[in-house]
Amino acid sequence: QVQLVESGGGLVQAGGSLRLSCAASGFIFSVSAVGWYRQAPGKQRELVAIITGGGSPTYADSVKGRFVVSRDNAKNTAYLQMNSLKSEDTAVYYCTCRANWGQGTQVTVSS
């Protein structure tokens, strides 16, 4: 059974940092690309970052230079390090892999 579980969200002041984790189980994680998406209230879900099975990252322009996506295949876990957070980063953050989605974790940035 494929399962993705996000964690690490919370409330942070603008300019602060958070690290999200996405723990995967039920499939061969090491060869699978992982995507991070977010959805703010009243807005469509949008892509934040992707990391390939080989570790190559791609970022949305809105987070480039502030967010870093990484993975630890030995732990079947992907990470999203979010720095210099802005109020517009407030959203529920989801990870996805092989068409499966986690339940999401709330990130709230106060200005």
Foldseek 3Di string as FASTA:
>chain_A
DWAWAKDWADEEAQQAKIKMKIAIDDDQLLQWKKWKWWDDPPGDIGTAKIAGSVGDIDGDPVQPPFWDWGDDSVRNMIMIIGGNDDQVVFTWMWMDIPNDIHPTDTHGYHD
